[in-house]
Amino acid sequence: MVALQIRDVPEEVRDALAERAAQNGQSLQGFLLGVVLREASFAQNRNLLREVAEWTVGTGVTGDDVLAIIDEGRAGRPGGAG
């Protein structure tokens, strides 16, 4: 594991973060680790969504086409719509 250090954080920001951590029953370090992990996860999700969006580039397939195919599949299942 690596250690991260953030300099020049205003005292009121540190206090607000410490208060949030305490409300969650966490140390400030534990709370901030959660924030950093969520941000990294969001970045991975954005990359995945970008890759998925590129799958249909140049195919002529639209979002409406995909939704229609999903609806058809659901209608064909027992208990499906339709």
PDB file of N, CA and C in Angstrom:
ATOM      1  N   MET A   1       0.837  -1.181   0.000  1.00  0.00           N
ATOM      2  CA  MET A   1       0.000   0.000   0.000  1.00  0.00           C
ATOM      3  C   MET A   1       0.883   1.246   0.000  1.00  0.00           C
ATOM      4  N   VAL A   2       0.343   2.296  -0.558  1.00  0.00           N
ATOM      5  CA  VAL A   2       1.050   3.577  -0.556  1.00  0.00           C
ATOM      6  C   VAL A   2       0.376   4.521   0.431  1.00  0.00           C
ATOM      7  N   ALA A   3       1.075   5.542   0.814  1.00  0.00           N
ATOM      8  CA  ALA A   3       0.525   6.575   1.689  1.00  0.00           C
ATOM      9  C   ALA A   3       0.318   7.836   0.861  1.00  0.00           C
ATOM     10  N   LEU A   4      -0.820   8.488   1.063  1.00  0.00           N
ATOM     11  CA  LEU A   4      -1.102   9.761   0.406  1.00  0.00           C
ATOM     12  C   LEU A   4      -1.077  10.853   1.462  1.00  0.00           C
ATOM     13  N   GLN A   5      -0.591  12.011   1.088  1.00  0.00           N
ATOM     14  CA  GLN A   5      -0.580  13.146   2.000  1.00  0.00           C
ATOM     15  C   GLN A   5      -1.147  14.340   1.252  1.00  0.00           C
ATOM     16  N   ILE A   6      -2.060  15.053   1.890  1.00  0.00           N
ATOM     17  CA  ILE A   6      -2.652  16.244   1.276  1.00  0.00           C
ATOM     18  C   ILE A   6      -2.243  17.442   2.122  1.00  0.00           C
ATOM     19  N   ARG A   7      -1.588  18.385   1.492  1.00  0.00           N
ATOM     20  CA  ARG A   7      -1.113  19.581   2.199  1.00  0.00           C
ATOM     21  C   ARG A   7      -2.070  20.747   1.961  1.00  0.00           C
ATOM     22  N   ASP A   8      -1.985  21.702   2.840  1.00  0.00           N
ATOM     23  CA  ASP A   8      -2.692  22.987   2.709  1.00  0.00           C
ATOM     24  C   ASP A   8      -4.210  22.832   2.694  1.00  0.00           C
ATOM     25  N   VAL A   9      -4.724  21.888   3.456  1.00  0.00           N
ATOM     26  CA  VAL A   9      -6.173  21.733   3.596  1.00  0.00           C
ATOM     27  C   VAL A   9      -6.644  22.775   4.609  1.00  0.00           C
ATOM     28  N   PRO A  10      -7.614  23.605   4.236  1.00  0.00           N
ATOM     29  CA  PRO A  10      -8.118  24.590   5.197  1.00  0.00           C
ATOM     30  C   PRO A  10      -8.670  23.892   6.451  1.00  0.00           C
ATOM     31  N   GLU A  11      -8.463  24.530   7.593  1.00  0.00           N
ATOM     32  CA  GLU A  11      -8.869  23.928   8.866  1.00  0.00           C
ATOM     33  C   GLU A  11     -10.362  23.625   8.896  1.00  0.00           C
ATOM     34  N   GLU A  12     -11.172  24.519   8.337  1.00  0.00           N
ATOM     35  CA  GLU A  12     -12.623  24.292   8.362  1.00  0.00           C
ATOM     36  C   GLU A  12     -13.016  23.084   7.503  1.00  0.00           C
ATOM     37  N   VAL A  13     -12.273  22.822   6.438  1.00  0.00           N
ATOM     38  CA  VAL A  13     -12.524  21.638   5.609  1.00  0.00           C
ATOM     39  C   VAL A  13     -12.157  20.385   6.387  1.00  0.00           C
ATOM     40  N   ARG A  14     -10.993  20.420   7.033  1.00  0.00           N
ATOM     41  CA  ARG A  14     -10.578  19.286   7.861  1.00  0.00           C
ATOM     42  C   ARG A  14     -11.605  19.014   8.956  1.00  0.00           C
ATOM     43  N   ASP A  15     -12.101  20.081   9.592  1.00  0.00           N
ATOM     44  CA  ASP A  15     -13.084  19.919  10.664  1.00  0.00           C
ATOM     45  C   ASP A  15     -14.385  19.313  10.141  1.00  0.00           C
ATOM     46  N   ALA A  16     -14.827  19.768   8.975  1.00  0.00           N
ATOM     47  CA  ALA A  16     -16.061  19.234   8.387  1.00  0.00           C
ATOM     48  C   ALA A  16     -15.902  17.754   8.058  1.00  0.00           C
ATOM     49  N   LEU A  17     -14.752  17.385   7.513  1.00  0.00           N
ATOM     50  CA  LEU A  17     -14.506  15.979   7.184  1.00  0.00           C
ATOM     51  C   LEU A  17     -14.409  15.129   8.448  1.00  0.00           C
ATOM     52  N   ALA A  18     -13.758  15.658   9.472  1.00  0.00           N
ATOM     53  CA  ALA A  18     -13.646  14.927  10.738  1.00  0.00           C
ATOM     54  C   ALA A  18     -15.023  14.725  11.358  1.00  0.00           C
ATOM     55  N   GLU A  19     -15.890  15.727  11.242  1.00  0.00           N
ATOM     56  CA  GLU A  19     -17.251  15.604  11.768  1.00  0.00           C
ATOM     57  C   GLU A  19     -18.027  14.521  11.024  1.00  0.00           C
ATOM     58  N   ARG A  20     -17.920  14.516   9.701  1.00  0.00           N
ATOM     59  CA  ARG A  20     -18.585  13.464   8.907  1.00  0.00           C
ATOM     60  C   ARG A  20     -18.073  12.087   9.296  1.00  0.00           C
ATOM     61  N   ALA A  21     -16.770  11.974   9.484  1.00  0.00           N
ATOM     62  CA  ALA A  21     -16.176  10.699   9.878  1.00  0.00           C
ATOM     63  C   ALA A  21     -16.741  10.255  11.219  1.00  0.00           C
ATOM     64  N   ALA A  22     -16.796  11.170  12.174  1.00  0.00           N
ATOM     65  CA  ALA A  22     -17.315  10.842  13.505  1.00  0.00           C
ATOM     66  C   ALA A  22     -18.779  10.421  13.432  1.00  0.00           C
ATOM     67  N   GLN A  23     -19.571  11.092  12.603  1.00  0.00           N
ATOM     68  CA  GLN A  23     -20.982  10.729  12.436  1.00  0.00           C
ATOM     69  C   GLN A  23     -21.128   9.309  11.910  1.00  0.00           C
ATOM     70  N   ASN A  24     -20.157   8.869  11.120  1.00  0.00           N
ATOM     71  CA  ASN A  24     -20.176   7.515  10.561  1.00  0.00           C
ATOM     72  C   ASN A  24     -19.443   6.514  11.448  1.00  0.00           C
ATOM     73  N   GLY A  25     -18.975   6.969  12.604  1.00  0.00           N
ATOM     74  CA  GLY A  25     -18.253   6.089  13.503  1.00  0.00           C
ATOM     75  C   GLY A  25     -16.897   5.671  12.958  1.00  0.00           C
ATOM     76  N   GLN A  26     -16.276   6.543  12.183  1.00  0.00           N
ATOM     77  CA  GLN A  26     -14.996   6.237  11.548  1.00  0.00           C
ATOM     78  C   GLN A  26     -13.934   7.227  11.991  1.00  0.00           C
ATOM     79  N   SER A  27     -12.698   6.803  11.857  1.00  0.00           N
ATOM     80  CA  SER A  27     -11.592   7.748  12.003  1.00  0.00           C
ATOM     81  C   SER A  27     -11.565   8.612  10.749  1.00  0.00           C
ATOM     82  N   LEU A  28     -10.897   9.743  10.844  1.00  0.00           N
ATOM     83  CA  LEU A  28     -10.756  10.595   9.661  1.00  0.00           C
ATOM     84  C   LEU A  28     -10.025   9.839   8.561  1.00  0.00           C
ATOM     85  N   GLN A  29      -8.988   9.097   8.935  1.00  0.00           N
ATOM     86  CA  GLN A  29      -8.237   8.319   7.945  1.00  0.00           C
ATOM     87  C   GLN A  29      -9.132   7.292   7.262  1.00  0.00           C
ATOM     88  N   GLY A  30      -9.932   6.563   8.034  1.00  0.00           N
ATOM     89  CA  GLY A  30     -10.823   5.560   7.454  1.00  0.00           C
ATOM     90  C   GLY A  30     -11.860   6.183   6.536  1.00  0.00           C
ATOM     91  N   PHE A  31     -12.408   7.323   6.964  1.00  0.00           N
ATOM     92  CA  PHE A  31     -13.396   8.026   6.153  1.00  0.00           C
ATOM     93  C   PHE A  31     -12.792   8.471   4.829  1.00  0.00           C
ATOM     94  N   LEU A  32     -11.603   9.087   4.898  1.00  0.00           N
ATOM     95  CA  LEU A  32     -10.961   9.578   3.678  1.00  0.00           C
ATOM     96  C   LEU A  32     -10.531   8.440   2.765  1.00  0.00           C
ATOM     97  N   LEU A  33     -10.132   7.313   3.333  1.00  0.00           N
ATOM     98  CA  LEU A  33      -9.810   6.152   2.501  1.00  0.00           C
ATOM     99  C   LEU A  33     -11.046   5.721   1.718  1.00  0.00           C
ATOM    100  N   GLY A  34     -12.208   5.724   2.364  1.00  0.00           N
ATOM    101  CA  GLY A  34     -13.449   5.392   1.670  1.00  0.00           C
ATOM    102  C   GLY A  34     -13.740   6.357   0.531  1.00  0.00           C
ATOM    103  N   VAL A  35     -13.504   7.648   0.766  1.00  0.00           N
ATOM    104  CA  VAL A  35     -13.709   8.662  -0.280  1.00  0.00           C
ATOM    105  C   VAL A  35     -12.796   8.388  -1.470  1.00  0.00           C
ATOM    106  N   VAL A  36     -11.530   8.112  -1.193  1.00  0.00           N
ATOM    107  CA  VAL A  36     -10.560   7.853  -2.263  1.00  0.00           C
ATOM    108  C   VAL A  36     -10.934   6.588  -3.031  1.00  0.00           C
ATOM    109  N   LEU A  37     -11.336   5.536  -2.327  1.00  0.00           N
ATOM    110  CA  LEU A  37     -11.718   4.287  -2.998  1.00  0.00           C
ATOM    111  C   LEU A  37     -12.952   4.476  -3.868  1.00  0.00           C
ATOM    112  N   ARG A  38     -13.942   5.252  -3.378  1.00  0.00           N
ATOM    113  CA  ARG A  38     -15.144   5.522  -4.189  1.00  0.00           C
ATOM    114  C   ARG A  38     -14.779   6.287  -5.450  1.00  0.00           C
ATOM    115  N   GLU A  39     -13.923   7.292  -5.313  1.00  0.00           N
ATOM    116  CA  GLU A  39     -13.504   8.070  -6.481  1.00  0.00           C
ATOM    117  C   GLU A  39     -12.809   7.189  -7.509  1.00  0.00           C
ATOM    118  N   ALA A  40     -11.949   6.301  -7.044  1.00  0.00           N
ATOM    119  CA  ALA A  40     -11.257   5.390  -7.965  1.00  0.00           C
ATOM    120  C   ALA A  40     -12.258   4.472  -8.647  1.00  0.00           C
ATOM    121  N   SER A  41     -13.258   4.015  -7.906  1.00  0.00           N
ATOM    122  CA  SER A  41     -14.292   3.150  -8.476  1.00  0.00           C
ATOM    123  C   SER A  41     -15.094   3.900  -9.536  1.00  0.00           C
ATOM    124  N   PHE A  42     -15.441   5.167  -9.250  1.00  0.00           N
ATOM    125  CA  PHE A  42     -16.180   5.970 -10.224  1.00  0.00           C
ATOM    126  C   PHE A  42     -15.377   6.133 -11.503  1.00  0.00           C
ATOM    127  N   ALA A  43     -14.078   6.334 -11.374  1.00  0.00           N
ATOM    128  CA  ALA A  43     -13.223   6.483 -12.554  1.00  0.00           C
ATOM    129  C   ALA A  43     -13.240   5.202 -13.380  1.00  0.00           C
ATOM    130  N   GLN A  44     -13.198   4.052 -12.710  1.00  0.00           N
ATOM    131  CA  GLN A  44     -13.257   2.774 -13.430  1.00  0.00           C
ATOM    132  C   GLN A  44     -14.605   2.621 -14.125  1.00  0.00           C
ATOM    133  N   ASN A  45     -15.683   3.035 -13.441  1.00  0.00           N
ATOM    134  CA  ASN A  45     -17.014   2.951 -14.046  1.00  0.00           C
ATOM    135  C   ASN A  45     -17.117   3.844 -15.279  1.00  0.00           C
ATOM    136  N   ARG A  46     -16.566   5.061 -15.191  1.00  0.00           N
ATOM    137  CA  ARG A  46     -16.598   5.967 -16.347  1.00  0.00           C
ATOM    138  C   ARG A  46     -15.844   5.364 -17.524  1.00  0.00           C
ATOM    139  N   ASN A  47     -14.706   4.750 -17.247  1.00  0.00           N
ATOM    140  CA  ASN A  47     -13.936   4.113 -18.319  1.00  0.00           C
ATOM    141  C   ASN A  47     -14.723   2.971 -18.942  1.00  0.00           C
ATOM    142  N   LEU A  48     -15.378   2.169 -18.119  1.00  0.00           N
ATOM    143  CA  LEU A  48     -16.178   1.058 -18.628  1.00  0.00           C
ATOM    144  C   LEU A  48     -17.328   1.578 -19.485  1.00  0.00           C
ATOM    145  N   LEU A  49     -18.022   2.601 -19.017  1.00  0.00           N
ATOM    146  CA  LEU A  49     -19.128   3.166 -19.798  1.00  0.00           C
ATOM    147  C   LEU A  49     -18.633   3.725 -21.127  1.00  0.00           C
ATOM    148  N   ARG A  50     -17.470   4.348 -21.126  1.00  0.00           N
ATOM    149  CA  ARG A  50     -16.894   4.870 -22.368  1.00  0.00           C
ATOM    150  C   ARG A  50     -16.614   3.721 -23.337  1.00  0.00           C
ATOM    151  N   GLU A  51     -16.065   2.622 -22.824  1.00  0.00           N
ATOM    152  CA  GLU A  51     -15.783   1.464 -23.674  1.00  0.00           C
ATOM    153  C   GLU A  51     -17.071   0.872 -24.236  1.00  0.00           C
ATOM    154  N   VAL A  52     -18.095   0.750 -23.401  1.00  0.00           N
ATOM    155  CA  VAL A  52     -19.370   0.196 -23.860  1.00  0.00           C
ATOM    156  C   VAL A  52     -19.978   1.098 -24.926  1.00  0.00           C
ATOM    157  N   ALA A  53     -19.897   2.403 -24.739  1.00  0.00           N
ATOM    158  CA  ALA A  53     -20.443   3.339 -25.719  1.00  0.00           C
ATOM    159  C   ALA A  53     -19.747   3.194 -27.066  1.00  0.00           C
ATOM    160  N   GLU A  54     -18.480   2.813 -27.048  1.00  0.00           N
ATOM    161  CA  GLU A  54     -17.725   2.663 -28.296  1.00  0.00           C
ATOM    162  C   GLU A  54     -18.086   1.388 -29.052  1.00  0.00           C
ATOM    163  N   TRP A  55     -18.717   0.424 -28.379  1.00  0.00           N
ATOM    164  CA  TRP A  55     -19.066  -0.838 -29.044  1.00  0.00           C
ATOM    165  C   TRP A  55     -19.965  -0.623 -30.254  1.00  0.00           C
ATOM    166  N   THR A  56     -20.864   0.359 -30.185  1.00  0.00           N
ATOM    167  CA  THR A  56     -21.840   0.543 -31.259  1.00  0.00           C
ATOM    168  C   THR A  56     -21.437   1.614 -32.263  1.00  0.00           C
ATOM    169  N   VAL A  57     -20.293   2.251 -32.065  1.00  0.00           N
ATOM    170  CA  VAL A  57     -19.855   3.300 -32.985  1.00  0.00           C
ATOM    171  C   VAL A  57     -19.700   2.707 -34.384  1.00  0.00           C
ATOM    172  N   GLY A  58     -20.368   3.333 -35.342  1.00  0.00           N
ATOM    173  CA  GLY A  58     -20.273   2.892 -36.725  1.00  0.00           C
ATOM    174  C   GLY A  58     -21.171   1.720 -37.080  1.00  0.00           C
ATOM    175  N   THR A  59     -21.953   1.210 -36.129  1.00  0.00           N
ATOM    176  CA  THR A  59     -22.822   0.063 -36.418  1.00  0.00           C
ATOM    177  C   THR A  59     -24.217   0.497 -36.833  1.00  0.00           C
ATOM    178  N   GLY A  60     -24.581   1.735 -36.532  1.00  0.00           N
ATOM    179  CA  GLY A  60     -25.931   2.194 -36.812  1.00  0.00           C
ATOM    180  C   GLY A  60     -26.921   1.792 -35.733  1.00  0.00           C
ATOM    181  N   VAL A  61     -26.463   1.073 -34.714  1.00  0.00           N
ATOM    182  CA  VAL A  61     -27.341   0.654 -33.620  1.00  0.00           C
ATOM    183  C   VAL A  61     -27.537   1.841 -32.687  1.00  0.00           C
ATOM    184  N   THR A  62     -28.792   2.093 -32.322  1.00  0.00           N
ATOM    185  CA  THR A  62     -29.105   3.202 -31.422  1.00  0.00           C
ATOM    186  C   THR A  62     -29.515   2.668 -30.056  1.00  0.00           C
ATOM    187  N   GLY A  63     -29.608   3.559 -29.117  1.00  0.00           N
ATOM    188  CA  GLY A  63     -30.099   3.190 -27.788  1.00  0.00           C
ATOM    189  C   GLY A  63     -31.506   2.641 -27.860  1.00  0.00           C
ATOM    190  N   ASP A  64     -32.334   3.219 -28.730  1.00  0.00           N
ATOM    191  CA  ASP A  64     -33.703   2.723 -28.895  1.00  0.00           C
ATOM    192  C   ASP A  64     -33.707   1.297 -29.440  1.00  0.00           C
ATOM    193  N   ASP A  65     -32.769   0.978 -30.338  1.00  0.00           N
ATOM    194  CA  ASP A  65     -32.659  -0.394 -30.852  1.00  0.00           C
ATOM    195  C   ASP A  65     -32.357  -1.367 -29.717  1.00  0.00           C
ATOM    196  N   VAL A  66     -31.437  -0.986 -28.865  1.00  0.00           N
ATOM    197  CA  VAL A  66     -31.060  -1.844 -27.741  1.00  0.00           C
ATOM    198  C   VAL A  66     -32.253  -2.043 -26.811  1.00  0.00           C
ATOM    199  N   LEU A  67     -32.966  -0.969 -26.507  1.00  0.00           N
ATOM    200  CA  LEU A  67     -34.133  -1.083 -25.631  1.00  0.00           C
ATOM    201  C   LEU A  67     -35.210  -1.965 -26.247  1.00  0.00           C
ATOM    202  N   ALA A  68     -35.413  -1.866 -27.554  1.00  0.00           N
ATOM    203  CA  ALA A  68     -36.404  -2.707 -28.229  1.00  0.00           C
ATOM    204  C   ALA A  68     -36.019  -4.178 -28.131  1.00  0.00           C
ATOM    205  N   ILE A  69     -34.752  -4.490 -28.297  1.00  0.00           N
ATOM    206  CA  ILE A  69     -34.291  -5.878 -28.195  1.00  0.00           C
ATOM    207  C   ILE A  69     -34.486  -6.391 -26.774  1.00  0.00           C
ATOM    208  N   ILE A  70     -34.195  -5.567 -25.790  1.00  0.00           N
ATOM    209  CA  ILE A  70     -34.405  -5.968 -24.395  1.00  0.00           C
ATOM    210  C   ILE A  70     -35.877  -6.240 -24.147  1.00  0.00           C
ATOM    211  N   ASP A  71     -36.752  -5.354 -24.633  1.00  0.00           N
ATOM    212  CA  ASP A  71     -38.194  -5.549 -24.462  1.00  0.00           C
ATOM    213  C   ASP A  71     -38.665  -6.838 -25.118  1.00  0.00           C
ATOM    214  N   GLU A  72     -38.153  -7.139 -26.308  1.00  0.00           N
ATOM    215  CA  GLU A  72     -38.518  -8.383 -26.995  1.00  0.00           C
ATOM    216  C   GLU A  72     -38.092  -9.597 -26.177  1.00  0.00           C
ATOM    217  N   GLY A  73     -36.899  -9.548 -25.635  1.00  0.00           N
ATOM    218  CA  GLY A  73     -36.412 -10.653 -24.818  1.00  0.00           C
ATOM    219  C   GLY A  73     -37.248 -10.850 -23.575  1.00  0.00           C
ATOM    220  N   ARG A  74     -37.632  -9.763 -22.951  1.00  0.00           N
ATOM    221  CA  ARG A  74     -38.463  -9.854 -21.743  1.00  0.00           C
ATOM    222  C   ARG A  74     -39.847 -10.389 -22.074  1.00  0.00           C
ATOM    223  N   ALA A  75     -40.394  -9.974 -23.203  1.00  0.00           N
ATOM    224  CA  ALA A  75     -41.732 -10.429 -23.596  1.00  0.00           C
ATOM    225  C   ALA A  75     -41.744 -11.931 -23.854  1.00  0.00           C
ATOM    226  N   GLY A  76     -40.618 -12.487 -24.269  1.00  0.00           N
ATOM    227  CA  GLY A  76     -40.545 -13.912 -24.566  1.00  0.00           C
ATOM    228  C   GLY A  76     -40.346 -14.789 -23.348  1.00  0.00           C
ATOM    229  N   ARG A  77     -40.111 -14.193 -22.190  1.00  0.00           N
ATOM    230  CA  ARG A  77     -39.897 -14.969 -20.964  1.00  0.00           C
ATOM    231  C   ARG A  77     -41.219 -15.201 -20.255  1.00  0.00           C
ATOM    232  N   PRO A  78     -41.321 -16.307 -19.523  1.00  0.00           N
ATOM    233  CA  PRO A  78     -42.519 -16.510 -18.696  1.00  0.00           C
ATOM    234  C   PRO A  78     -42.644 -15.363 -17.699  1.00  0.00           C
ATOM    235  N   GLY A  79     -43.808 -14.770 -17.645  1.00  0.00           N
ATOM    236  CA  GLY A  79     -44.026 -13.648 -16.750  1.00  0.00           C
ATOM    237  C   GLY A  79     -43.496 -12.342 -17.291  1.00  0.00           C
ATOM    238  N   GLY A  80     -42.988 -12.357 -18.521  1.00  0.00           N
ATOM    239  CA  GLY A  80     -42.443 -11.145 -19.123  1.00  0.00           C
ATOM    240  C   GLY A  80     -43.546 -10.230 -19.600  1.00  0.00           C
ATOM    241  N   ALA A  81     -43.199  -9.006 -19.896  1.00  0.00           N
ATOM    242  CA  ALA A  81     -44.176  -8.038 -20.397  1.00  0.00           C
ATOM    243  C   ALA A  81     -44.645  -8.449 -21.776  1.00  0.00           C
ATOM    244  N   GLY A  82     -45.894  -8.151 -22.052  1.00  0.00           N
ATOM    245  CA  GLY A  82     -46.376  -8.386 -23.410  1.00  0.00           C
ATOM    246  C   GLY A  82     -47.409  -9.366 -23.563  1.00  0.00           C
TER     247      GLY A  82
END
